[in-house]
């Protein structure tokens, strides 16, 4: 699964297939894994510590349009990390 960014030990990945709906990205933080909705920024599946969820939500707010564009066009690009 291609990595699109990494920050504070959190790795954000995205995978494009038709079977992979609804639009989402994956977040990996140590032994924790989650699927995050691109449309809402909410965790759809998995588990993450609350602090990691909050940082991912902050990052998502900055890049939602770019992530959705990647999903729609199936074009991968690296995005800046959360600072």
PDB file of N, CA and C in Angstrom:
ATOM      1  N   UNK A   1       0.854  -1.169   0.000  1.00  0.00           N
ATOM      2  CA  UNK A   1       0.000   0.000   0.000  1.00  0.00           C
ATOM      3  C   UNK A   1       0.903   1.236   0.000  1.00  0.00           C
ATOM      4  N   UNK A   2       0.750   2.125  -0.963  1.00  0.00           N
ATOM      5  CA  UNK A   2       1.623   3.301  -1.071  1.00  0.00           C
ATOM      6  C   UNK A   2       1.440   4.298   0.083  1.00  0.00           C
ATOM      7  N   UNK A   3       2.558   4.753   0.583  1.00  0.00           N
ATOM      8  CA  UNK A   3       2.576   5.743   1.665  1.00  0.00           C
ATOM      9  C   UNK A   3       2.442   7.136   1.070  1.00  0.00           C
ATOM     10  N   UNK A   4       1.558   7.955   1.662  1.00  0.00           N
ATOM     11  CA  UNK A   4       1.421   9.324   1.166  1.00  0.00           C
ATOM     12  C   UNK A   4       2.022  10.349   2.123  1.00  0.00           C
ATOM     13  N   UNK A   5       2.150   9.994   3.400  1.00  0.00           N
ATOM     14  CA  UNK A   5       2.840  10.876   4.345  1.00  0.00           C
ATOM     15  C   UNK A   5       3.153  10.103   5.625  1.00  0.00           C
ATOM     16  N   UNK A   6       3.944  10.742   6.471  1.00  0.00           N
ATOM     17  CA  UNK A   6       4.335  10.155   7.750  1.00  0.00           C
ATOM     18  C   UNK A   6       4.610  11.311   8.710  1.00  0.00           C
ATOM     19  N   UNK A   7       4.083  11.210   9.933  1.00  0.00           N
ATOM     20  CA  UNK A   7       4.342  12.235  10.941  1.00  0.00           C
ATOM     21  C   UNK A   7       4.124  11.655  12.333  1.00  0.00           C
ATOM     22  N   UNK A   8       4.982  12.026  13.260  1.00  0.00           N
ATOM     23  CA  UNK A   8       4.874  11.628  14.669  1.00  0.00           C
ATOM     24  C   UNK A   8       4.621  10.126  14.847  1.00  0.00           C
ATOM     25  N   UNK A   9       5.279   9.316  14.027  1.00  0.00           N
ATOM     26  CA  UNK A   9       5.129   7.869  14.131  1.00  0.00           C
ATOM     27  C   UNK A   9       3.889   7.315  13.450  1.00  0.00           C
ATOM     28  N   UNK A  10       3.093   8.166  12.827  1.00  0.00           N
ATOM     29  CA  UNK A  10       1.874   7.747  12.119  1.00  0.00           C
ATOM     30  C   UNK A  10       2.196   7.683  10.625  1.00  0.00           C
ATOM     31  N   UNK A  11       1.846   6.575  10.001  1.00  0.00           N
ATOM     32  CA  UNK A  11       2.041   6.414   8.564  1.00  0.00           C
ATOM     33  C   UNK A  11       0.659   6.402   7.908  1.00  0.00           C
ATOM     34  N   UNK A  12       0.494   7.253   6.906  1.00  0.00           N
ATOM     35  CA  UNK A  12      -0.766   7.336   6.166  1.00  0.00           C
ATOM     36  C   UNK A  12      -0.540   6.704   4.795  1.00  0.00           C
ATOM     37  N   UNK A  13      -1.432   5.753   4.463  1.00  0.00           N
ATOM     38  CA  UNK A  13      -1.324   5.025   3.196  1.00  0.00           C
ATOM     39  C   UNK A  13      -2.674   5.054   2.496  1.00  0.00           C
ATOM     40  N   UNK A  14      -2.633   4.842   1.185  1.00  0.00           N
ATOM     41  CA  UNK A  14      -3.873   4.782   0.413  1.00  0.00           C
ATOM     42  C   UNK A  14      -3.726   3.695  -0.637  1.00  0.00           C
ATOM     43  N   UNK A  15      -4.824   3.048  -0.929  1.00  0.00           N
ATOM     44  CA  UNK A  15      -4.846   1.953  -1.890  1.00  0.00           C
ATOM     45  C   UNK A  15      -6.054   2.143  -2.785  1.00  0.00           C
ATOM     46  N   UNK A  16      -5.850   2.066  -4.091  1.00  0.00           N
ATOM     47  CA  UNK A  16      -6.931   2.339  -5.041  1.00  0.00           C
ATOM     48  C   UNK A  16      -7.416   1.056  -5.710  1.00  0.00           C
ATOM     49  N   UNK A  17      -8.625   0.631  -5.402  1.00  0.00           N
ATOM     50  CA  UNK A  17      -9.290  -0.429  -6.166  1.00  0.00           C
ATOM     51  C   UNK A  17     -10.786  -0.166  -6.091  1.00  0.00           C
ATOM     52  N   UNK A  18     -11.513  -0.687  -7.018  1.00  0.00           N
ATOM     53  CA  UNK A  18     -12.968  -0.510  -7.016  1.00  0.00           C
ATOM     54  C   UNK A  18     -13.607  -1.176  -5.805  1.00  0.00           C
ATOM     55  N   UNK A  19     -13.023  -2.287  -5.362  1.00  0.00           N
ATOM     56  CA  UNK A  19     -13.587  -3.003  -4.216  1.00  0.00           C
ATOM     57  C   UNK A  19     -13.296  -2.289  -2.907  1.00  0.00           C
ATOM     58  N   UNK A  20     -12.542  -1.228  -2.967  1.00  0.00           N
ATOM     59  CA  UNK A  20     -12.056  -0.574  -1.750  1.00  0.00           C
ATOM     60  C   UNK A  20     -12.905   0.644  -1.364  1.00  0.00           C
ATOM     61  N   UNK A  21     -14.198   0.637  -1.683  1.00  0.00           N
ATOM     62  CA  UNK A  21     -15.089   1.748  -1.319  1.00  0.00           C
ATOM     63  C   UNK A  21     -15.623   1.539   0.078  1.00  0.00           C
ATOM     64  N   UNK A  22     -16.110   2.536   0.775  1.00  0.00           N
ATOM     65  CA  UNK A  22     -16.132   3.950   0.414  1.00  0.00           C
ATOM     66  C   UNK A  22     -14.728   4.562   0.466  1.00  0.00           C
ATOM     67  N   UNK A  23     -14.561   5.773  -0.084  1.00  0.00           N
ATOM     68  CA  UNK A  23     -13.243   6.400  -0.117  1.00  0.00           C
ATOM     69  C   UNK A  23     -12.650   6.521   1.292  1.00  0.00           C
ATOM     70  N   UNK A  24     -11.434   6.009   1.449  1.00  0.00           N
ATOM     71  CA  UNK A  24     -10.784   6.046   2.753  1.00  0.00           C
ATOM     72  C   UNK A  24      -9.279   5.928   2.590  1.00  0.00           C
ATOM     73  N   UNK A  25      -8.580   6.208   3.668  1.00  0.00           N
ATOM     74  CA  UNK A  25      -7.138   5.970   3.722  1.00  0.00           C
ATOM     75  C   UNK A  25      -6.847   5.182   4.985  1.00  0.00           C
ATOM     76  N   UNK A  26      -5.655   4.649   5.054  1.00  0.00           N
ATOM     77  CA  UNK A  26      -5.242   3.818   6.184  1.00  0.00           C
ATOM     78  C   UNK A  26      -4.237   4.583   7.034  1.00  0.00           C
ATOM     79  N   UNK A  27      -4.355   4.433   8.329  1.00  0.00           N
ATOM     80  CA  UNK A  27      -3.401   5.023   9.270  1.00  0.00           C
ATOM     81  C   UNK A  27      -2.807   3.892  10.105  1.00  0.00           C
ATOM     82  N   UNK A  28      -1.482   3.881  10.204  1.00  0.00           N
ATOM     83  CA  UNK A  28      -0.776   2.878  10.991  1.00  0.00           C
ATOM     84  C   UNK A  28       0.053   3.621  12.028  1.00  0.00           C
ATOM     85  N   UNK A  29      -0.110   3.218  13.280  1.00  0.00           N
ATOM     86  CA  UNK A  29       0.628   3.835  14.385  1.00  0.00           C
ATOM     87  C   UNK A  29       1.070   2.712  15.314  1.00  0.00           C
ATOM     88  N   UNK A  30       2.327   2.282  15.168  1.00  0.00           N
ATOM     89  CA  UNK A  30       2.802   1.145  15.950  1.00  0.00           C
ATOM     90  C   UNK A  30       1.975  -0.080  15.624  1.00  0.00           C
ATOM     91  N   UNK A  31       1.397  -0.710  16.655  1.00  0.00           N
ATOM     92  CA  UNK A  31       0.572  -1.899  16.435  1.00  0.00           C
ATOM     93  C   UNK A  31      -0.887  -1.558  16.117  1.00  0.00           C
ATOM     94  N   UNK A  32      -1.214  -0.280  16.061  1.00  0.00           N
ATOM     95  CA  UNK A  32      -2.588   0.159  15.781  1.00  0.00           C
ATOM     96  C   UNK A  32      -2.775   0.408  14.288  1.00  0.00           C
ATOM     97  N   UNK A  33      -3.959   0.071  13.810  1.00  0.00           N
ATOM     98  CA  UNK A  33      -4.324   0.282  12.405  1.00  0.00           C
ATOM     99  C   UNK A  33      -5.751   0.787  12.335  1.00  0.00           C
ATOM    100  N   UNK A  34      -6.023   1.653  11.367  1.00  0.00           N
ATOM    101  CA  UNK A  34      -7.387   2.147  11.202  1.00  0.00           C
ATOM    102  C   UNK A  34      -7.634   2.552   9.760  1.00  0.00           C
ATOM    103  N   UNK A  35      -8.897   2.518   9.379  1.00  0.00           N
ATOM    104  CA  UNK A  35      -9.355   3.060   8.105  1.00  0.00           C
ATOM    105  C   UNK A  35     -10.107   4.344   8.417  1.00  0.00           C
ATOM    106  N   UNK A  36      -9.746   5.420   7.706  1.00  0.00           N
ATOM    107  CA  UNK A  36     -10.323   6.740   7.950  1.00  0.00           C
ATOM    108  C   UNK A  36     -11.085   7.195   6.712  1.00  0.00           C
ATOM    109  N   UNK A  37     -12.318   7.627   6.881  1.00  0.00           N
ATOM    110  CA  UNK A  37     -13.131   8.123   5.775  1.00  0.00           C
ATOM    111  C   UNK A  37     -12.541   9.416   5.222  1.00  0.00           C
ATOM    112  N   UNK A  38     -12.381   9.475   3.912  1.00  0.00           N
ATOM    113  CA  UNK A  38     -11.903  10.715   3.286  1.00  0.00           C
ATOM    114  C   UNK A  38     -12.999  11.775   3.354  1.00  0.00           C
ATOM    115  N   UNK A  39     -14.240  11.373   3.282  1.00  0.00           N
ATOM    116  CA  UNK A  39     -15.343  12.328   3.263  1.00  0.00           C
ATOM    117  C   UNK A  39     -15.589  12.984   4.618  1.00  0.00           C
ATOM    118  N   UNK A  40     -15.446  12.221   5.710  1.00  0.00           N
ATOM    119  CA  UNK A  40     -15.786  12.759   7.035  1.00  0.00           C
ATOM    120  C   UNK A  40     -14.602  12.903   7.988  1.00  0.00           C
ATOM    121  N   UNK A  41     -13.506  12.206   7.704  1.00  0.00           N
ATOM    122  CA  UNK A  41     -12.363  12.218   8.609  1.00  0.00           C
ATOM    123  C   UNK A  41     -12.541  11.317   9.816  1.00  0.00           C
ATOM    124  N   UNK A  42     -13.650  10.585   9.866  1.00  0.00           N
ATOM    125  CA  UNK A  42     -13.942   9.707  11.003  1.00  0.00           C
ATOM    126  C   UNK A  42     -13.330   8.324  10.790  1.00  0.00           C
ATOM    127  N   UNK A  43     -12.968   7.664  11.891  1.00  0.00           N
ATOM    128  CA  UNK A  43     -12.448   6.315  11.830  1.00  0.00           C
ATOM    129  C   UNK A  43     -13.596   5.369  11.512  1.00  0.00           C
ATOM    130  N   UNK A  44     -13.445   4.611  10.427  1.00  0.00           N
ATOM    131  CA  UNK A  44     -14.482   3.677   9.994  1.00  0.00           C
ATOM    132  C   UNK A  44     -14.266   2.298  10.608  1.00  0.00           C
ATOM    133  N   UNK A  45     -13.019   1.941  10.791  1.00  0.00           N
ATOM    134  CA  UNK A  45     -12.682   0.613  11.282  1.00  0.00           C
ATOM    135  C   UNK A  45     -11.306   0.665  11.924  1.00  0.00           C
ATOM    136  N   UNK A  46     -11.071  -0.190  12.891  1.00  0.00           N
ATOM    137  CA  UNK A  46      -9.770  -0.281  13.522  1.00  0.00           C
ATOM    138  C   UNK A  46      -9.738   0.392  14.875  1.00  0.00           C
ATOM    139  N   UNK A  47      -8.522   0.615  15.344  1.00  0.00           N
ATOM    140  CA  UNK A  47      -8.357   1.283  16.633  1.00  0.00           C
ATOM    141  C   UNK A  47      -7.073   2.100  16.626  1.00  0.00           C
ATOM    142  N   UNK A  48      -7.143   3.241  17.260  1.00  0.00           N
ATOM    143  CA  UNK A  48      -6.009   4.150  17.408  1.00  0.00           C
ATOM    144  C   UNK A  48      -6.155   4.868  18.738  1.00  0.00           C
ATOM    145  N   UNK A  49      -5.037   5.196  19.387  1.00  0.00           N
ATOM    146  CA  UNK A  49      -5.142   6.041  20.576  1.00  0.00           C
ATOM    147  C   UNK A  49      -5.775   7.385  20.209  1.00  0.00           C
ATOM    148  N   UNK A  50      -6.464   7.989  21.157  1.00  0.00           N
ATOM    149  CA  UNK A  50      -7.164   9.251  20.889  1.00  0.00           C
ATOM    150  C   UNK A  50      -6.214  10.334  20.380  1.00  0.00           C
ATOM    151  N   UNK A  51      -5.021  10.422  20.947  1.00  0.00           N
ATOM    152  CA  UNK A  51      -4.060  11.442  20.502  1.00  0.00           C
ATOM    153  C   UNK A  51      -3.721  11.264  19.018  1.00  0.00           C
ATOM    154  N   UNK A  52      -3.523  10.025  18.579  1.00  0.00           N
ATOM    155  CA  UNK A  52      -3.242   9.757  17.169  1.00  0.00           C
ATOM    156  C   UNK A  52      -4.456  10.121  16.316  1.00  0.00           C
ATOM    157  N   UNK A  53      -5.653   9.778  16.775  1.00  0.00           N
ATOM    158  CA  UNK A  53      -6.871  10.141  16.046  1.00  0.00           C
ATOM    159  C   UNK A  53      -6.967  11.653  15.860  1.00  0.00           C
ATOM    160  N   UNK A  54      -6.655  12.395  16.914  1.00  0.00           N
ATOM    161  CA  UNK A  54      -6.734  13.858  16.851  1.00  0.00           C
ATOM    162  C   UNK A  54      -5.731  14.421  15.850  1.00  0.00           C
ATOM    163  N   UNK A  55      -4.500  13.880  15.834  1.00  0.00           N
ATOM    164  CA  UNK A  55      -3.489  14.366  14.889  1.00  0.00           C
ATOM    165  C   UNK A  55      -3.879  14.032  13.454  1.00  0.00           C
ATOM    166  N   UNK A  56      -4.412  12.843  13.243  1.00  0.00           N
ATOM    167  CA  UNK A  56      -4.849  12.451  11.895  1.00  0.00           C
ATOM    168  C   UNK A  56      -5.990  13.349  11.433  1.00  0.00           C
ATOM    169  N   UNK A  57      -6.913  13.651  12.321  1.00  0.00           N
ATOM    170  CA  UNK A  57      -8.037  14.538  11.976  1.00  0.00           C
ATOM    171  C   UNK A  57      -7.517  15.935  11.602  1.00  0.00           C
ATOM    172  N   UNK A  58      -6.543  16.438  12.361  1.00  0.00           N
ATOM    173  CA  UNK A  58      -5.952  17.746  12.044  1.00  0.00           C
ATOM    174  C   UNK A  58      -5.294  17.716  10.666  1.00  0.00           C
ATOM    175  N   UNK A  59      -4.562  16.647  10.372  1.00  0.00           N
ATOM    176  CA  UNK A  59      -3.900  16.510   9.070  1.00  0.00           C
ATOM    177  C   UNK A  59      -4.950  16.403   7.961  1.00  0.00           C
ATOM    178  N   UNK A  60      -5.986  15.583   8.192  1.00  0.00           N
ATOM    179  CA  UNK A  60      -7.054  15.396   7.205  1.00  0.00           C
ATOM    180  C   UNK A  60      -7.721  16.727   6.858  1.00  0.00           C
ATOM    181  N   UNK A  61      -7.965  17.565   7.862  1.00  0.00           N
ATOM    182  CA  UNK A  61      -8.605  18.865   7.611  1.00  0.00           C
ATOM    183  C   UNK A  61      -7.788  19.711   6.640  1.00  0.00           C
ATOM    184  N   UNK A  62      -6.481  19.587   6.693  1.00  0.00           N
ATOM    185  CA  UNK A  62      -5.600  20.353   5.813  1.00  0.00           C
ATOM    186  C   UNK A  62      -5.546  19.787   4.392  1.00  0.00           C
ATOM    187  N   UNK A  63      -5.811  18.492   4.232  1.00  0.00           N
ATOM    188  CA  UNK A  63      -5.546  17.833   2.952  1.00  0.00           C
ATOM    189  C   UNK A  63      -6.718  17.041   2.381  1.00  0.00           C
ATOM    190  N   UNK A  64      -7.912  17.217   2.900  1.00  0.00           N
ATOM    191  CA  UNK A  64      -9.048  16.417   2.437  1.00  0.00           C
ATOM    192  C   UNK A  64      -9.253  16.510   0.927  1.00  0.00           C
ATOM    193  N   UNK A  65      -9.206  17.701   0.381  1.00  0.00           N
ATOM    194  CA  UNK A  65      -9.442  17.868  -1.055  1.00  0.00           C
ATOM    195  C   UNK A  65      -8.397  17.124  -1.877  1.00  0.00           C
ATOM    196  N   UNK A  66      -7.138  17.202  -1.451  1.00  0.00           N
ATOM    197  CA  UNK A  66      -6.061  16.516  -2.172  1.00  0.00           C
ATOM    198  C   UNK A  66      -6.208  14.995  -2.078  1.00  0.00           C
ATOM    199  N   UNK A  67      -6.592  14.508  -0.912  1.00  0.00           N
ATOM    200  CA  UNK A  67      -6.764  13.066  -0.728  1.00  0.00           C
ATOM    201  C   UNK A  67      -7.919  12.572  -1.600  1.00  0.00           C
ATOM    202  N   UNK A  68      -9.021  13.298  -1.613  1.00  0.00           N
ATOM    203  CA  UNK A  68     -10.170  12.898  -2.436  1.00  0.00           C
ATOM    204  C   UNK A  68      -9.812  12.949  -3.918  1.00  0.00           C
ATOM    205  N   UNK A  69      -9.041  13.935  -4.309  1.00  0.00           N
ATOM    206  CA  UNK A  69      -8.597  14.010  -5.709  1.00  0.00           C
ATOM    207  C   UNK A  69      -7.748  12.786  -6.059  1.00  0.00           C
ATOM    208  N   UNK A  70      -6.855  12.391  -5.153  1.00  0.00           N
ATOM    209  CA  UNK A  70      -6.058  11.182  -5.377  1.00  0.00           C
ATOM    210  C   UNK A  70      -6.974   9.978  -5.554  1.00  0.00           C
ATOM    211  N   UNK A  71      -7.972   9.861  -4.669  1.00  0.00           N
ATOM    212  CA  UNK A  71      -8.897   8.727  -4.731  1.00  0.00           C
ATOM    213  C   UNK A  71      -9.640   8.712  -6.066  1.00  0.00           C
ATOM    214  N   UNK A  72     -10.137   9.867  -6.486  1.00  0.00           N
ATOM    215  CA  UNK A  72     -10.938   9.948  -7.711  1.00  0.00           C
ATOM    216  C   UNK A  72     -10.128   9.731  -8.976  1.00  0.00           C
ATOM    217  N   UNK A  73      -8.891  10.224  -8.989  1.00  0.00           N
ATOM    218  CA  UNK A  73      -8.062  10.121 -10.190  1.00  0.00           C
ATOM    219  C   UNK A  73      -7.125   8.920 -10.162  1.00  0.00           C
ATOM    220  N   UNK A  74      -7.038   8.263  -9.000  1.00  0.00           N
ATOM    221  CA  UNK A  74      -6.116   7.130  -8.822  1.00  0.00           C
ATOM    222  C   UNK A  74      -4.675   7.547  -9.098  1.00  0.00           C
ATOM    223  N   UNK A  75      -4.364   8.783  -8.749  1.00  0.00           N
ATOM    224  CA  UNK A  75      -3.030   9.334  -8.945  1.00  0.00           C
ATOM    225  C   UNK A  75      -2.397   9.577  -7.583  1.00  0.00           C
ATOM    226  N   UNK A  76      -1.331   8.874  -7.312  1.00  0.00           N
ATOM    227  CA  UNK A  76      -0.658   8.976  -6.022  1.00  0.00           C
ATOM    228  C   UNK A  76       0.253  10.192  -5.986  1.00  0.00           C
ATOM    229  N   UNK A  77       0.247  10.891  -4.851  1.00  0.00           N
ATOM    230  CA  UNK A  77       1.201  11.978  -4.626  1.00  0.00           C
ATOM    231  C   UNK A  77       1.537  12.026  -3.150  1.00  0.00           C
ATOM    232  N   UNK A  78       2.736  12.448  -2.836  1.00  0.00           N
ATOM    233  CA  UNK A  78       3.141  12.617  -1.449  1.00  0.00           C
ATOM    234  C   UNK A  78       2.521  13.918  -0.942  1.00  0.00           C
ATOM    235  N   UNK A  79       2.066  13.898   0.311  1.00  0.00           N
ATOM    236  CA  UNK A  79       1.514  15.093   0.930  1.00  0.00           C
ATOM    237  C   UNK A  79       2.376  15.473   2.119  1.00  0.00           C
ATOM    238  N   UNK A  80       2.399  16.754   2.471  1.00  0.00           N
ATOM    239  CA  UNK A  80       3.218  17.185   3.601  1.00  0.00           C
ATOM    240  C   UNK A  80       2.717  16.605   4.921  1.00  0.00           C
ATOM    241  N   UNK A  81       3.631  16.361   5.838  1.00  0.00           N
ATOM    242  CA  UNK A  81       3.225  15.843   7.151  1.00  0.00           C
ATOM    243  C   UNK A  81       2.598  16.928   8.007  1.00  0.00           C
ATOM    244  N   UNK A  82       1.983  16.516   9.081  1.00  0.00           N
ATOM    245  CA  UNK A  82       1.479  17.446  10.083  1.00  0.00           C
ATOM    246  C   UNK A  82       2.675  18.027  10.815  1.00  0.00           C
ATOM    247  N   UNK A  83       2.664  19.332  11.034  1.00  0.00           N
ATOM    248  CA  UNK A  83       3.784  19.978  11.747  1.00  0.00           C
ATOM    249  C   UNK A  83       3.328  20.478  13.087  1.00  0.00           C
TER     250      UNK A  83
END
